[in-house]
Amino acid sequence: MSNTRAEYEADSEQLPRKVYLGLREGNLDPQDVVALACELLDWFHCTDAVLEVVERNPGEVSPAEMTALARRLLDDMGFDPGFDLAPERLETLRAALRVVARDLPARGIEGEPEIEILEDWFPVGAGVRLAGGGRFNWGGPILPDMCDDPTTALTSLAVLIQESLLEWTWQVWPVCPRHNLGAHGSEREREAVWWCAGDGGHVLAPVGELAHAGRRRPK
């Protein structure tokens, strides 16, 4: 790839980031929105939002309209801010790990696990690094958009850990003592739980509360 081409692609990647940060920080530059729309048009992304931005005089577009158009442009191109531009996602994932880590001693895993950003994956995601050096990332990492909701983040993390342990040991975990069946990380009624399929399905325990399995806490 030529230096000119590489510089062009780097500039192209920066435009949606600048627009996103402008929206996030409340200092959106209309010229960045216009530049992004022109860039998308060059790549034949002829959506309604793109055409509206390039056809209108920016000086005649109100800040509220420009904000709405900028959001539509980012949606049209499938832009995701990842963990770096939306650091609250990483905090949500770390909070989820603190919850699911309460269940790990029941599997013989001690120590404080940590979230590990997997820069070599595309798109960039996150896995879990154990205190002993082992890593949980089987089946693919936790993607940033899984961390917009705490329950989704916790459920996704429970599934990742469970599938990684299965790959390591070829043993299911956790196991429902009543049915002798492996339970699975699942979201039920907006709560992350370990779900057993026995007798039509039931909650073994909320994620993070395996120590109290069988003693379902009240809502």
Protein backbone atom coordinates (compact mmCIF):
# COMPACT_ATOMS: atom_id res chain seq x y z
CA MET A 1 0.00 0.00 0.00
CA SER A 2 1.37 3.44 -0.93
CA ASN A 3 2.01 6.08 1.74
CA THR A 4 -0.61 8.29 0.12
CA ARG A 5 -3.21 5.53 0.26
CA ALA A 6 -2.38 4.71 3.88
CA GLU A 7 -2.64 8.38 4.87
CA TYR A 8 -5.98 8.63 3.05
CA GLU A 9 -7.40 5.63 4.88
CA ALA A 10 -6.10 6.94 8.22
CA ASP A 11 -7.83 10.28 7.61
CA SER A 12 -11.02 8.45 6.62
CA GLU A 13 -11.00 6.51 9.87
CA GLN A 14 -10.51 9.69 11.89
CA LEU A 15 -13.59 11.45 10.51
CA PRO A 16 -16.24 9.25 12.16
CA ARG A 17 -14.22 9.33 15.38
CA LYS A 18 -14.18 13.14 15.33
CA VAL A 19 -17.92 13.27 14.68
CA TYR A 20 -18.63 10.77 17.47
CA LEU A 21 -16.48 12.68 19.94
CA GLY A 22 -18.11 15.93 18.91
CA LEU A 23 -21.52 14.41 19.68
CA ARG A 24 -20.30 12.94 22.93
CA GLU A 25 -18.59 16.11 24.16
CA GLY A 26 -21.18 18.56 22.88
CA ASN A 27 -18.83 20.43 20.52
CA LEU A 28 -19.81 18.99 17.14
CA ASP A 29 -18.21 20.77 14.19
CA PRO A 30 -20.65 20.93 11.24
CA GLN A 31 -17.70 20.85 8.83
CA ASP A 32 -16.72 17.44 10.18
CA VAL A 33 -20.25 16.20 9.50
CA VAL A 34 -20.12 17.54 5.94
CA ALA A 35 -16.69 15.99 5.38
CA LEU A 36 -17.93 12.63 6.65
CA ALA A 37 -21.00 12.77 4.40
CA CYS A 38 -18.81 13.56 1.38
CA GLU A 39 -16.51 10.69 2.30
CA LEU A 40 -19.44 8.30 2.50
CA LEU A 41 -20.77 9.58 -0.81
CA ASP A 42 -17.39 8.88 -2.41
CA TRP A 43 -17.76 5.31 -1.19
CA PHE A 44 -21.29 5.11 -2.68
CA HIS A 45 -23.11 5.25 0.65
CA CYS A 46 -26.00 7.24 -0.78
CA THR A 47 -28.33 7.17 2.22
CA ASP A 48 -30.94 9.82 2.90
CA ALA A 49 -28.81 11.35 5.64
CA VAL A 50 -25.73 11.54 3.40
CA LEU A 51 -27.66 13.22 0.60
CA GLU A 52 -29.33 15.67 2.97
CA VAL A 53 -26.02 16.76 4.47
CA VAL A 54 -24.23 17.27 1.14
CA GLU A 55 -27.18 19.04 -0.47
CA ARG A 56 -27.92 21.54 2.29
CA ASN A 57 -26.02 24.68 3.27
CA PRO A 58 -24.50 23.91 6.71
CA GLY A 59 -25.19 27.50 7.76
CA GLU A 60 -28.90 26.87 7.34
CA VAL A 61 -28.98 23.68 9.41
CA SER A 62 -29.79 24.17 13.09
CA PRO A 63 -27.51 22.59 15.71
CA ALA A 64 -30.26 20.16 16.68
CA GLU A 65 -30.74 19.09 13.04
CA MET A 66 -26.99 18.72 12.51
CA THR A 67 -26.74 16.59 15.63
CA ALA A 68 -29.52 14.33 14.39
CA LEU A 69 -27.94 14.07 10.94
CA ALA A 70 -24.54 13.25 12.45
CA ARG A 71 -26.07 10.41 14.47
CA ARG A 72 -27.78 9.07 11.36
CA LEU A 73 -24.52 9.15 9.41
CA LEU A 74 -22.74 7.13 12.08
CA ASP A 75 -25.64 4.66 12.19
CA ASP A 76 -25.67 4.38 8.39
CA MET A 77 -22.00 3.43 8.31
CA GLY A 78 -22.27 1.06 11.28
CA PHE A 79 -19.76 3.03 13.32
CA ASP A 80 -18.95 1.62 16.75
CA PRO A 81 -16.84 3.64 19.20
CA GLY A 82 -15.28 0.53 20.73
CA PHE A 83 -13.83 0.64 24.20
CA ASP A 84 -11.41 3.51 23.62
CA LEU A 85 -13.98 6.17 22.70
CA ALA A 86 -16.64 4.83 25.09
CA PRO A 87 -14.62 3.89 28.21
CA GLU A 88 -17.79 3.43 30.26
CA ARG A 89 -18.25 0.15 28.39
CA LEU A 90 -15.01 -1.16 29.87
CA GLU A 91 -16.10 -0.09 33.35
CA THR A 92 -19.39 -1.96 32.83
CA LEU A 93 -17.46 -5.07 31.82
CA ARG A 94 -15.12 -4.82 34.81
CA ALA A 95 -18.10 -4.50 37.13
CA ALA A 96 -19.62 -7.60 35.49
CA LEU A 97 -16.38 -9.53 36.05
CA ARG A 98 -16.44 -8.69 39.75
CA VAL A 99 -19.88 -10.30 39.91
CA VAL A 100 -19.15 -13.50 37.97
CA ALA A 101 -15.80 -13.88 39.75
CA ARG A 102 -17.74 -14.68 42.93
CA ASP A 103 -18.72 -17.99 41.28
CA LEU A 104 -15.22 -19.01 40.22
CA PRO A 105 -14.02 -20.39 43.58
CA ALA A 106 -16.75 -23.04 43.21
CA ARG A 107 -14.76 -24.17 40.15
CA GLY A 108 -11.47 -24.10 42.03
CA ILE A 109 -10.30 -20.82 40.52
CA GLU A 110 -8.81 -18.41 43.03
CA GLY A 111 -7.39 -14.91 42.73
CA GLU A 112 -8.62 -11.73 41.10
CA PRO A 113 -9.28 -12.10 37.35
CA GLU A 114 -8.85 -9.09 35.10
CA ILE A 115 -10.34 -7.87 31.84
CA GLU A 116 -7.84 -8.02 29.00
CA ILE A 117 -8.25 -6.01 25.80
CA LEU A 118 -7.49 -8.22 22.78
CA GLU A 119 -5.90 -5.80 20.34
CA ASP A 120 -5.02 -8.57 17.86
CA TRP A 121 -8.68 -9.46 17.29
CA PHE A 122 -10.88 -7.74 14.74
CA PRO A 123 -12.93 -6.07 15.85
CA VAL A 124 -11.05 -5.39 19.06
CA GLY A 125 -12.73 -7.15 21.96
CA ALA A 126 -12.03 -8.25 25.51
CA GLY A 127 -11.25 -11.48 27.30
CA VAL A 128 -10.42 -12.51 30.85
CA ARG A 129 -6.96 -13.09 32.28
CA LEU A 130 -6.75 -15.16 35.45
CA ALA A 131 -4.43 -14.48 38.36
CA GLY A 132 -2.50 -17.64 37.47
CA GLY A 133 -1.95 -16.47 33.89
CA GLY A 134 -4.68 -18.48 32.14
CA ARG A 135 -6.93 -16.75 29.65
CA PHE A 136 -10.63 -17.04 28.87
CA ASN A 137 -11.49 -16.01 25.29
CA TRP A 138 -12.88 -19.19 23.76
CA GLY A 139 -15.56 -18.65 21.12
CA GLY A 140 -14.52 -15.08 20.48
CA PRO A 141 -14.08 -12.05 22.72
CA ILE A 142 -16.64 -9.82 24.40
CA LEU A 143 -17.36 -7.09 21.86
CA PRO A 144 -17.76 -3.47 22.97
CA ASP A 145 -21.43 -3.24 21.99
CA MET A 146 -22.20 -6.13 24.36
CA CYS A 147 -21.29 -3.77 27.20
CA ASP A 148 -23.89 -1.06 26.62
CA ASP A 149 -26.20 -2.89 29.01
CA PRO A 150 -24.95 -4.32 32.35
CA THR A 151 -27.15 -7.43 32.15
CA THR A 152 -25.99 -8.23 28.62
CA ALA A 153 -22.37 -7.70 29.63
CA LEU A 154 -22.72 -10.01 32.64
CA THR A 155 -24.51 -12.71 30.64
CA SER A 156 -21.97 -12.55 27.81
CA LEU A 157 -19.10 -12.78 30.27
CA ALA A 158 -20.64 -15.78 32.06
CA VAL A 159 -21.05 -17.58 28.71
CA LEU A 160 -17.46 -16.76 27.69
CA ILE A 161 -16.05 -18.13 30.95
CA GLN A 162 -18.25 -21.21 30.84
CA GLU A 163 -17.34 -22.07 27.23
CA SER A 164 -13.64 -21.47 27.90
CA LEU A 165 -13.72 -23.80 30.92
CA LEU A 166 -15.50 -26.45 28.86
CA GLU A 167 -12.81 -26.22 26.19
CA TRP A 168 -10.08 -26.49 28.83
CA THR A 169 -11.48 -29.37 30.86
CA TRP A 170 -14.16 -31.03 28.73
CA GLN A 171 -16.43 -30.81 31.77
CA VAL A 172 -19.61 -28.79 32.05
CA TRP A 173 -19.86 -26.18 34.77
CA PRO A 174 -21.88 -25.27 36.73
CA VAL A 175 -24.01 -28.39 37.26
CA CYS A 176 -27.53 -28.41 38.66
CA PRO A 177 -27.44 -30.85 41.61
CA ARG A 178 -31.16 -31.57 41.31
CA HIS A 179 -31.06 -32.65 37.64
CA ASN A 180 -27.36 -33.40 37.15
CA LEU A 181 -27.41 -31.18 34.08
CA GLY A 182 -25.03 -28.42 33.08
CA ALA A 183 -26.51 -24.97 33.60
CA HIS A 184 -25.91 -22.19 31.06
CA GLY A 185 -25.44 -18.46 31.33
CA SER A 186 -28.71 -16.88 30.24
CA GLU A 187 -30.68 -13.66 30.52
CA ARG A 188 -34.10 -14.17 32.09
CA GLU A 189 -36.43 -11.35 33.06
CA ARG A 190 -33.61 -8.82 32.70
CA GLU A 191 -31.31 -10.77 35.01
CA ALA A 192 -28.17 -12.77 34.25
CA VAL A 193 -28.66 -16.28 35.65
CA TRP A 194 -27.35 -19.82 35.50
CA TRP A 195 -30.22 -21.63 33.78
CA CYS A 196 -30.93 -25.36 34.01
CA ALA A 197 -33.10 -27.01 31.35
CA GLY A 198 -34.41 -29.68 33.72
CA ASP A 199 -38.18 -29.97 34.33
CA GLY A 200 -38.97 -27.35 31.71
CA GLY A 201 -36.23 -24.99 32.85
CA HIS A 202 -35.45 -23.14 36.05
CA VAL A 203 -32.93 -20.74 37.56
CA LEU A 204 -30.11 -22.52 39.36
CA ALA A 205 -28.81 -19.20 40.71
CA PRO A 206 -28.21 -15.64 39.60
CA VAL A 207 -24.74 -15.21 38.13
CA GLY A 208 -22.46 -14.44 41.04
CA GLU A 209 -24.58 -16.33 43.57
CA LEU A 210 -23.77 -19.99 42.96
CA ALA A 211 -22.90 -20.30 46.64
CA HIS A 212 -26.61 -19.78 47.31
CA ALA A 213 -27.89 -22.15 44.61
CA GLY A 214 -31.25 -23.55 45.59
CA ARG A 215 -31.99 -20.59 47.85
CA ARG A 216 -33.40 -18.16 45.28
CA ARG A 217 -33.29 -14.69 46.71
CA PRO A 218 -36.54 -12.69 46.53
CA LYS A 219 -36.95 -10.01 43.91
